[in-house]
Amino acid sequence: MVVPFGGSNCVVLETSGMKMKVASKHRSIVLEEFDGKDIGRQLIDLNNQLHQPGTDPLFKEAYLPTALHLYKPRYFRVHGKAIVGSPGAVIRADPVPVPGRRAPSIGATLEVLCLDKMNIKVAIRNVQARDSQGKIRYHARLPCNPKAEVAKMNAVWTPQANINFELVSSSDLLIDHDDNATREQLRIAYGMKDKSTASFSPESAIRSDKTRELFAGHRVQGAHITFFLVHSVIGPSGPAAGTMNSQLGISLISGTHFATTFAHEAGHYLGRRMVNGQWAGHEHLDGRDLRMLMKEGGSSWAVPFGMVKRARAFSGKPA
């Protein structure tokens, strides 16, 4: 669990009717037990909402309550009084011995980090292009709303890692193949001999490996990540909802991306590491666990605790 510095988070302990001694092993992590009877009703309401027609199946899988009817649960607020970094503080729940009975051997452990807010500055640019009639229009059939996309990123990362994404620029970007210098960049990007046939047309597929230098020249100064919204993206493995170049801090996003694609690509950037002198993303999770943000085949919402630790260790500077 991540607790914001100076704030709190909540946890429920299923006791199964056993008497349990619950204690924090760190003086800066303070427990407050409270009556959580209203939470049960809220979970039932949430369960009903998530079963409504039209609910995003990945959102439903990530947020569906796993236990609606607990047997003698106890509820705690976990307060963070000081910064507690990795490996974290420990909260232990141990069965209380009952005279004349064999003491249960089971218990529960909760690892807690208390973290201040980490701010990551992002720019989101809807790309524009010139069509065959010379009219300038958005490259994607479905341009995005930058403020809405940042809100979805923060819905994933802030409660789970206390990471906040700040939108520093949302200016559109025109890549105009009528411009001589741009046409030369396109010729180089696609390995063409003659720049007269180089084009950048609306609703075309963009090769992320070929165009990284072109887009790198349009990064927003002061942003850690600049996202470029185009019609469709072809990554190293084929069509993709998005790609990330962690070294350059640029990401191409398809107009038909998932609700959490921006958050997923940011995860690649925050989780990067050096492998043989090259930046590499963290390992993907396969598509079997539908809750995970970094899973293959369409990102979901949950951030594993190990990934939180890696992301919080990020110390990169804005462009």
Protein backbone atom coordinates (compact mmCIF):
# COMPACT_ATOMS: atom_id res chain seq x y z
CA MET A 1 0.00 0.00 0.00
CA VAL A 2 1.05 3.59 -0.68
CA VAL A 3 0.05 6.26 1.83
CA PRO A 4 0.49 9.92 0.89
CA PHE A 5 2.75 11.85 3.25
CA GLY A 6 0.52 13.65 5.72
CA GLY A 7 -2.52 11.71 4.52
CA SER A 8 -4.05 8.27 4.93
CA ASN A 9 -5.30 5.21 3.13
CA CYS A 10 -7.78 2.54 4.22
CA VAL A 11 -7.55 -1.23 4.52
CA VAL A 12 -9.94 -3.96 5.61
CA LEU A 13 -8.78 -7.02 7.54
CA GLU A 14 -10.93 -10.14 7.26
CA THR A 15 -10.64 -11.77 10.68
CA SER A 16 -12.89 -14.79 10.01
CA GLY A 17 -14.04 -14.34 13.61
CA MET A 18 -10.57 -14.64 15.14
CA LYS A 19 -9.19 -12.18 17.65
CA MET A 20 -6.28 -10.42 15.96
CA LYS A 21 -3.56 -8.15 17.25
CA VAL A 22 -2.87 -5.50 14.61
CA ALA A 23 0.19 -3.30 14.94
CA SER A 24 2.48 -1.12 12.88
CA LYS A 25 6.17 -1.94 13.11
CA HIS A 26 7.17 1.64 12.23
CA ARG A 27 6.47 4.69 14.40
CA SER A 28 5.72 6.88 11.38
CA ILE A 29 2.94 4.56 10.17
CA VAL A 30 0.01 4.98 12.55
CA LEU A 31 -3.16 2.86 12.61
CA GLU A 32 -6.64 4.13 13.39
CA GLU A 33 -9.43 1.57 13.61
CA PHE A 34 -12.89 2.77 12.55
CA ASP A 35 -16.41 1.51 11.99
CA GLY A 36 -16.58 0.59 8.32
CA LYS A 37 -20.17 -0.61 8.11
CA ASP A 38 -20.95 1.98 5.42
CA ILE A 39 -18.16 0.60 3.24
CA GLY A 40 -20.01 -2.68 2.79
CA ARG A 41 -22.99 -0.86 1.34
CA GLN A 42 -20.72 1.18 -0.91
CA LEU A 43 -19.11 -2.00 -2.25
CA ILE A 44 -22.52 -3.44 -3.09
CA ASP A 45 -23.44 -0.23 -4.92
CA LEU A 46 -20.13 -0.33 -6.80
CA ASN A 47 -20.69 -3.97 -7.72
CA ASN A 48 -24.11 -3.12 -9.15
CA GLN A 49 -22.74 -0.16 -11.13
CA LEU A 50 -19.98 -2.25 -12.67
CA HIS A 51 -22.49 -4.83 -13.91
CA GLN A 52 -24.42 -2.24 -15.92
CA PRO A 53 -24.40 -2.64 -19.73
CA GLY A 54 -21.67 -0.73 -21.52
CA THR A 55 -19.15 -0.82 -18.67
CA ASP A 56 -15.54 -1.08 -19.88
CA PRO A 57 -14.69 -4.78 -19.21
CA LEU A 58 -11.12 -3.95 -18.15
CA PHE A 59 -12.33 -1.27 -15.72
CA LYS A 60 -14.90 -3.72 -14.38
CA GLU A 61 -12.30 -6.46 -13.84
CA ALA A 62 -9.92 -4.08 -12.07
CA TYR A 63 -12.47 -2.50 -9.73
CA LEU A 64 -14.98 -5.30 -9.12
CA PRO A 65 -15.14 -5.97 -5.35
CA THR A 66 -13.64 -9.35 -4.53
CA ALA A 67 -15.55 -9.81 -1.29
CA LEU A 68 -18.99 -8.28 -0.77
CA HIS A 69 -19.95 -10.21 2.36
CA LEU A 70 -17.07 -10.36 4.86
CA TYR A 71 -17.29 -12.23 8.16
CA LYS A 72 -16.37 -9.90 11.05
CA PRO A 73 -14.07 -7.54 9.15
CA ARG A 74 -12.06 -4.78 10.83
CA TYR A 75 -11.34 -1.47 9.14
CA PHE A 76 -8.23 0.68 9.58
CA ARG A 77 -6.99 4.03 8.39
CA VAL A 78 -3.26 3.96 7.78
CA HIS A 79 -1.73 7.38 8.44
CA GLY A 80 1.66 8.43 7.09
CA LYS A 81 3.40 10.75 9.55
CA ALA A 82 6.80 10.76 7.84
CA ILE A 83 8.34 9.62 4.56
CA VAL A 84 8.93 5.87 4.53
CA GLY A 85 10.59 4.65 1.34
CA SER A 86 11.51 1.22 0.03
CA PRO A 87 11.52 -1.48 1.37
CA GLY A 88 8.70 0.04 3.41
CA ALA A 89 7.15 -0.34 6.82
CA VAL A 90 5.32 -3.46 7.94
CA ILE A 91 1.90 -3.82 9.53
CA ARG A 92 1.30 -7.21 11.13
CA ALA A 93 -1.99 -8.88 12.02
CA ASP A 94 -1.43 -11.88 14.31
CA PRO A 95 -3.99 -14.20 15.93
CA VAL A 96 -4.40 -13.74 19.69
CA PRO A 97 -3.93 -17.07 21.57
CA VAL A 98 -7.06 -18.34 23.29
CA PRO A 99 -6.53 -20.37 26.51
CA GLY A 100 -7.20 -24.06 25.97
CA ARG A 101 -7.06 -23.77 22.18
CA ARG A 102 -4.28 -24.34 19.75
CA ALA A 103 -3.10 -20.96 18.45
CA PRO A 104 -3.69 -20.45 14.72
CA SER A 105 -0.49 -20.10 12.76
CA ILE A 106 -1.88 -17.83 10.07
CA GLY A 107 -1.58 -14.06 10.05
CA ALA A 108 -1.32 -11.24 7.57
CA THR A 109 1.35 -8.73 6.59
CA LEU A 110 0.90 -5.38 4.83
CA GLU A 111 3.89 -3.55 3.41
CA VAL A 112 3.46 0.25 3.40
CA LEU A 113 5.29 3.10 1.71
CA CYS A 114 4.63 6.68 2.81
CA LEU A 115 5.49 8.96 -0.10
CA ASP A 116 5.26 12.61 -0.98
CA LYS A 117 3.72 13.58 -4.31
CA MET A 118 5.95 12.99 -7.33
CA ASN A 119 5.20 15.37 -10.20
CA ILE A 120 5.72 14.35 -13.85
CA LYS A 121 5.23 17.04 -16.48
CA VAL A 122 3.63 15.97 -19.75
CA ALA A 123 2.67 17.58 -23.04
CA ILE A 124 -0.06 16.13 -25.27
CA ARG A 125 -0.09 17.25 -28.90
CA ASN A 126 -2.82 16.40 -31.38
CA VAL A 127 -0.96 16.09 -34.67
CA GLN A 128 -2.26 17.83 -37.78
CA ALA A 129 -1.48 17.13 -41.45
CA ARG A 130 -2.36 18.42 -44.91
CA ASP A 131 -4.73 16.30 -47.00
CA SER A 132 -4.74 15.80 -50.77
CA GLN A 133 -6.80 18.98 -51.27
CA GLY A 134 -4.30 21.00 -49.27
CA LYS A 135 -6.60 21.37 -46.27
CA ILE A 136 -5.06 21.13 -42.80
CA ARG A 137 -6.91 18.78 -40.46
CA TYR A 138 -6.22 16.48 -37.58
CA HIS A 139 -4.14 13.43 -38.43
CA ALA A 140 -6.36 11.19 -36.31
CA ARG A 141 -10.01 10.69 -37.13
CA LEU A 142 -10.52 10.91 -33.35
CA PRO A 143 -8.31 13.59 -31.75
CA CYS A 144 -8.04 13.45 -27.97
CA ASN A 145 -8.91 15.82 -25.13
CA PRO A 146 -5.55 16.40 -23.37
CA LYS A 147 -7.06 17.43 -20.02
CA ALA A 148 -9.29 14.35 -19.98
CA GLU A 149 -6.36 12.06 -20.80
CA VAL A 150 -4.25 13.50 -17.97
CA ALA A 151 -7.19 13.04 -15.59
CA LYS A 152 -7.32 9.34 -16.55
CA MET A 153 -3.55 9.00 -16.03
CA ASN A 154 -3.90 10.46 -12.55
CA ALA A 155 -6.87 8.17 -11.81
CA VAL A 156 -4.45 5.27 -12.28
CA TRP A 157 -1.20 6.57 -10.81
CA THR A 158 -2.09 9.00 -8.01
CA PRO A 159 -4.01 6.66 -5.65
CA GLN A 160 -1.64 3.74 -6.27
CA ALA A 161 1.76 5.49 -6.36
CA ASN A 162 1.13 9.15 -5.38
CA ILE A 163 2.43 10.18 -8.80
CA ASN A 164 0.78 13.24 -10.35
CA PHE A 165 0.91 14.07 -14.05
CA GLU A 166 0.81 17.79 -14.84
CA LEU A 167 -0.22 18.99 -18.29
CA VAL A 168 2.24 21.74 -19.26
CA SER A 169 1.23 22.04 -22.93
CA SER A 170 -1.60 20.89 -25.17
CA SER A 171 -0.67 22.77 -28.35
CA ASP A 172 -1.51 21.11 -31.68
CA LEU A 173 1.38 20.15 -33.96
CA LEU A 174 1.26 20.58 -37.73
CA ILE A 175 3.59 18.31 -39.69
CA ASP A 176 3.31 19.91 -43.10
CA HIS A 177 4.74 17.98 -46.04
CA ASP A 178 4.50 21.16 -48.13
CA ASP A 179 7.31 22.56 -46.00
CA ASN A 180 10.66 21.83 -47.64
CA ALA A 181 12.55 21.07 -44.40
CA THR A 182 9.76 18.76 -43.17
CA ARG A 183 9.74 16.95 -46.50
CA GLU A 184 13.48 16.36 -46.17
CA GLN A 185 12.96 14.98 -42.64
CA LEU A 186 10.32 12.61 -43.99
CA ARG A 187 12.63 11.50 -46.80
CA ILE A 188 15.36 10.66 -44.29
CA ALA A 189 12.92 9.00 -41.90
CA TYR A 190 11.59 6.62 -44.54
CA GLY A 191 14.88 6.10 -46.42
CA MET A 192 13.64 7.61 -49.67
CA LYS A 193 15.92 8.82 -52.46
CA ASP A 194 13.62 11.58 -53.66
CA LYS A 195 11.93 13.91 -51.18
CA SER A 196 9.37 15.02 -53.77
CA THR A 197 7.25 11.96 -52.99
CA ALA A 198 7.62 12.18 -49.20
CA SER A 199 4.25 12.81 -47.58
CA PHE A 200 2.53 12.94 -44.21
CA SER A 201 -1.19 12.55 -44.80
CA PRO A 202 -4.16 12.51 -42.38
CA GLU A 203 -5.40 9.12 -41.22
CA SER A 204 -2.23 7.29 -42.24
CA ALA A 205 -0.26 4.74 -40.19
CA ILE A 206 2.89 6.09 -38.54
CA ARG A 207 5.97 3.91 -38.05
CA SER A 208 7.34 4.75 -34.62
CA ASP A 209 10.82 3.39 -35.36
CA LYS A 210 11.15 5.43 -38.55
CA THR A 211 9.83 8.74 -37.26
CA ARG A 212 11.34 9.04 -33.79
CA GLU A 213 13.83 11.76 -34.84
CA LEU A 214 11.07 13.69 -36.62
CA PHE A 215 8.88 13.73 -33.53
CA ALA A 216 11.81 14.25 -31.15
CA GLY A 217 12.32 17.63 -32.80
CA HIS A 218 8.83 18.62 -31.62
CA ARG A 219 9.19 17.75 -27.96
CA VAL A 220 7.92 20.39 -25.55
CA GLN A 221 10.69 21.90 -23.47
CA GLY A 222 10.05 21.46 -19.75
CA ALA A 223 8.04 18.24 -20.20
CA HIS A 224 9.28 14.82 -19.14
CA ILE A 225 7.06 13.16 -21.77
CA THR A 226 5.60 14.57 -24.96
CA PHE A 227 2.70 12.51 -26.31
CA PHE A 228 1.76 12.78 -29.99
CA LEU A 229 -1.77 11.73 -30.97
CA VAL A 230 -1.87 10.33 -34.52
CA HIS A 231 -4.37 8.24 -36.43
CA SER A 232 -2.67 4.86 -36.02
CA VAL A 233 0.70 3.59 -34.86
CA ILE A 234 2.89 0.76 -36.08
CA GLY A 235 5.43 -0.30 -33.47
CA PRO A 236 8.30 -2.80 -33.64
CA SER A 237 5.83 -5.69 -33.28
CA GLY A 238 3.08 -4.32 -35.53
CA PRO A 239 -0.02 -2.16 -34.98
CA ALA A 240 -0.18 -0.71 -31.47
CA ALA A 241 -2.37 1.51 -29.32
CA GLY A 242 0.79 3.40 -28.37
CA THR A 243 4.57 3.29 -28.26
CA MET A 244 7.15 4.93 -25.98
CA ASN A 245 10.75 5.92 -26.60
CA SER A 246 12.02 6.20 -23.03
CA GLN A 247 15.37 7.69 -23.99
CA LEU A 248 13.81 10.59 -25.88
CA GLY A 249 10.68 10.90 -23.73
CA ILE A 250 8.32 10.76 -26.71
CA SER A 251 5.24 8.62 -27.16
CA LEU A 252 3.01 8.05 -30.18
CA ILE A 253 -0.62 7.30 -29.33
CA SER A 254 -3.24 5.93 -31.72
CA GLY A 255 -6.53 7.78 -32.07
CA THR A 256 -8.32 4.53 -31.13
CA HIS A 257 -6.32 3.97 -27.94
CA PHE A 258 -7.61 2.39 -24.73
CA ALA A 259 -8.74 4.43 -21.72
CA THR A 260 -5.43 3.76 -19.97
CA THR A 261 -3.01 3.79 -22.93
CA PHE A 262 -1.45 7.11 -21.88
CA ALA A 263 -0.95 5.73 -18.35
CA HIS A 264 0.50 2.50 -19.78
CA GLU A 265 3.05 4.32 -21.94
CA ALA A 266 3.98 6.56 -19.00
CA GLY A 267 4.66 3.34 -17.10
CA HIS A 268 7.26 2.39 -19.70
CA TYR A 269 8.96 5.73 -19.20
CA LEU A 270 8.88 5.63 -15.39
CA GLY A 271 9.90 1.97 -15.28
CA ARG A 272 12.84 2.25 -17.66
CA ARG A 273 16.24 0.86 -16.77
CA MET A 274 19.64 0.47 -18.41
CA VAL A 275 20.34 -2.89 -20.12
CA ASN A 276 23.68 -3.21 -21.89
CA GLY A 277 23.90 0.56 -22.09
CA GLN A 278 20.44 0.96 -23.64
CA TRP A 279 17.14 2.12 -22.16
CA ALA A 280 14.66 -0.71 -21.78
CA GLY A 281 11.11 -0.84 -20.50
CA HIS A 282 10.03 -3.08 -17.67
CA GLU A 283 8.79 -6.56 -18.37
CA HIS A 284 5.26 -6.87 -19.71
CA LEU A 285 2.69 -8.92 -17.90
CA ASP A 286 0.85 -11.33 -20.14
CA GLY A 287 -2.80 -10.85 -21.00
CA ARG A 288 -4.23 -13.40 -18.56
CA ASP A 289 -4.58 -11.01 -15.61
CA LEU A 290 -7.07 -8.45 -16.89
CA ARG A 291 -6.47 -6.05 -14.00
CA MET A 292 -2.90 -5.01 -14.82
CA LEU A 293 -1.92 -1.68 -16.36
CA MET A 294 1.12 -3.08 -18.13
CA LYS A 295 -0.41 -6.25 -19.52
CA GLU A 296 -0.13 -7.18 -23.19
CA GLY A 297 -3.11 -6.79 -25.50
CA GLY A 298 -4.73 -3.71 -23.97
CA SER A 299 -3.82 -1.93 -20.75
CA SER A 300 -5.99 -2.05 -17.64
CA TRP A 301 -5.81 -0.15 -14.31
CA ALA A 302 -3.85 -1.91 -11.54
CA VAL A 303 -0.21 -1.08 -10.78
CA PRO A 304 1.70 -3.88 -8.99
CA PHE A 305 3.57 -2.85 -5.83
CA GLY A 306 6.94 -3.77 -7.33
CA MET A 307 6.26 -1.49 -10.27
CA VAL A 308 5.29 1.32 -7.90
CA LYS A 309 8.72 1.01 -6.27
CA ARG A 310 10.49 1.13 -9.62
CA ALA A 311 8.47 4.10 -10.85
CA ARG A 312 9.06 6.01 -7.61
CA ALA A 313 12.81 5.53 -8.06
CA PHE A 314 12.67 7.48 -11.34
CA SER A 315 14.87 10.58 -11.30
CA GLY A 316 14.78 11.79 -14.91
CA LYS A 317 14.80 15.44 -15.88
CA PRO A 318 12.38 17.23 -18.22
CA ALA A 319 13.45 17.94 -21.79
